[in-house]
Amino acid sequence: MNGHKAKKSFGQNFLVDQTIIAEIVRAIRPEPNDSMVEIGPGLGALTRPLLQHLHTLHVVEIDRDII
């Protein structure tokens, strides 16, 4: 988990199951020209696979320890 402990105050739960990540990306069906915003990207579990399909992905993270 990259040494970062989930903070209950932020309601953090880090996605680590690669099967679930792949299912989410398939459900989203990202296309290169799509414009997306990921709220709470955490450690980037979804960010990385989404960027394989998108030219641009905006992410918003409030946990300064992750940024």
C-alpha atoms as a PDB file:
ATOM      1  CA  MET A   1       0.000   0.000   0.000  1.00  0.00           C
ATOM      2  CA  ASN A   2       2.954   2.285  -0.585  1.00  0.00           C
ATOM      3  CA  GLY A   3       3.484   2.947   3.144  1.00  0.00           C
ATOM      4  CA  HIS A   4       0.416   5.174   3.462  1.00  0.00           C
ATOM      5  CA  LYS A   5      -2.051   4.213   6.170  1.00  0.00           C
ATOM      6  CA  ALA A   6      -5.727   4.817   5.381  1.00  0.00           C
ATOM      7  CA  LYS A   7      -7.196   7.671   7.420  1.00  0.00           C
ATOM      8  CA  LYS A   8     -10.607   7.081   8.961  1.00  0.00           C
ATOM      9  CA  SER A   9     -11.179  10.840   9.115  1.00  0.00           C
ATOM     10  CA  PHE A  10     -11.201  10.883   5.289  1.00  0.00           C
ATOM     11  CA  GLY A  11     -13.122   7.609   5.025  1.00  0.00           C
ATOM     12  CA  GLN A  12     -10.239   6.139   3.040  1.00  0.00           C
ATOM     13  CA  ASN A  13     -10.263   2.588   1.720  1.00  0.00           C
ATOM     14  CA  PHE A  14      -7.559   1.807  -0.808  1.00  0.00           C
ATOM     15  CA  LEU A  15      -8.499  -0.269  -3.820  1.00  0.00           C
ATOM     16  CA  VAL A  16      -5.915  -3.021  -4.367  1.00  0.00           C
ATOM     17  CA  ASP A  17      -7.753  -5.930  -6.028  1.00  0.00           C
ATOM     18  CA  GLN A  18      -6.633  -5.930  -9.677  1.00  0.00           C
ATOM     19  CA  THR A  19      -9.715  -7.885 -10.753  1.00  0.00           C
ATOM     20  CA  ILE A  20     -12.045  -5.251  -9.283  1.00  0.00           C
ATOM     21  CA  ILE A  21      -9.956  -2.451 -10.792  1.00  0.00           C
ATOM     22  CA  ALA A  22     -10.194  -4.053 -14.244  1.00  0.00           C
ATOM     23  CA  GLU A  23     -13.963  -4.519 -13.844  1.00  0.00           C
ATOM     24  CA  ILE A  24     -14.414  -0.859 -12.900  1.00  0.00           C
ATOM     25  CA  VAL A  25     -12.371   0.337 -15.886  1.00  0.00           C
ATOM     26  CA  ARG A  26     -14.360  -1.974 -18.206  1.00  0.00           C
ATOM     27  CA  ALA A  27     -17.632  -0.620 -16.773  1.00  0.00           C
ATOM     28  CA  ILE A  28     -16.498   2.981 -17.325  1.00  0.00           C
ATOM     29  CA  ARG A  29     -15.448   2.191 -20.914  1.00  0.00           C
ATOM     30  CA  PRO A  30     -13.082   5.175 -21.196  1.00  0.00           C
ATOM     31  CA  GLU A  31     -12.395   6.564 -24.673  1.00  0.00           C
ATOM     32  CA  PRO A  32      -9.394   8.757 -25.583  1.00  0.00           C
ATOM     33  CA  ASN A  33     -11.519  11.889 -26.085  1.00  0.00           C
ATOM     34  CA  ASP A  34     -13.496  11.470 -22.848  1.00  0.00           C
ATOM     35  CA  SER A  35     -13.044  14.085 -20.155  1.00  0.00           C
ATOM     36  CA  MET A  36     -13.006  12.620 -16.655  1.00  0.00           C
ATOM     37  CA  VAL A  37     -12.478  13.726 -13.082  1.00  0.00           C
ATOM     38  CA  GLU A  38     -11.419  11.213 -10.446  1.00  0.00           C
ATOM     39  CA  ILE A  39     -12.345  12.253  -6.920  1.00  0.00           C
ATOM     40  CA  GLY A  40     -10.092  10.779  -4.249  1.00  0.00           C
ATOM     41  CA  PRO A  41      -7.552   8.977  -6.431  1.00  0.00           C
ATOM     42  CA  GLY A  42      -5.654   7.832  -3.372  1.00  0.00           C
ATOM     43  CA  LEU A  43      -2.614   5.835  -4.452  1.00  0.00           C
ATOM     44  CA  GLY A  44      -3.647   5.788  -8.119  1.00  0.00           C
ATOM     45  CA  ALA A  45      -5.107   2.283  -8.380  1.00  0.00           C
ATOM     46  CA  LEU A  46      -7.710   3.491 -10.898  1.00  0.00           C
ATOM     47  CA  THR A  47      -5.737   6.465 -12.170  1.00  0.00           C
ATOM     48  CA  ARG A  48      -3.019   4.410 -13.859  1.00  0.00           C
ATOM     49  CA  PRO A  49      -5.307   2.060 -15.818  1.00  0.00           C
ATOM     50  CA  LEU A  50      -7.633   4.924 -16.777  1.00  0.00           C
ATOM     51  CA  LEU A  51      -4.712   6.888 -18.212  1.00  0.00           C
ATOM     52  CA  GLN A  52      -3.985   3.963 -20.537  1.00  0.00           C
ATOM     53  CA  HIS A  53      -7.243   4.900 -22.302  1.00  0.00           C
ATOM     54  CA  LEU A  54      -7.543   8.670 -21.754  1.00  0.00           C
ATOM     55  CA  HIS A  55      -5.519  11.627 -22.964  1.00  0.00           C
ATOM     56  CA  THR A  56      -6.544  13.707 -19.945  1.00  0.00           C
ATOM     57  CA  LEU A  57      -7.692  12.782 -16.459  1.00  0.00           C
ATOM     58  CA  HIS A  58      -8.142  15.362 -13.716  1.00  0.00           C
ATOM     59  CA  VAL A  59      -7.757  14.103 -10.153  1.00  0.00           C
ATOM     60  CA  VAL A  60      -8.804  15.743  -6.889  1.00  0.00           C
ATOM     61  CA  GLU A  61      -7.202  14.530  -3.653  1.00  0.00           C
ATOM     62  CA  ILE A  62      -7.615  16.246  -0.274  1.00  0.00           C
ATOM     63  CA  ASP A  63      -5.130  14.100   1.670  1.00  0.00           C
ATOM     64  CA  ARG A  64      -1.933  16.142   1.464  1.00  0.00           C
ATOM     65  CA  ASP A  65       0.105  13.148   2.654  1.00  0.00           C
ATOM     66  CA  ILE A  66      -0.687  11.336  -0.602  1.00  0.00           C
ATOM     67  CA  ILE A  67      -0.083  14.243  -2.992  1.00  0.00           C
END
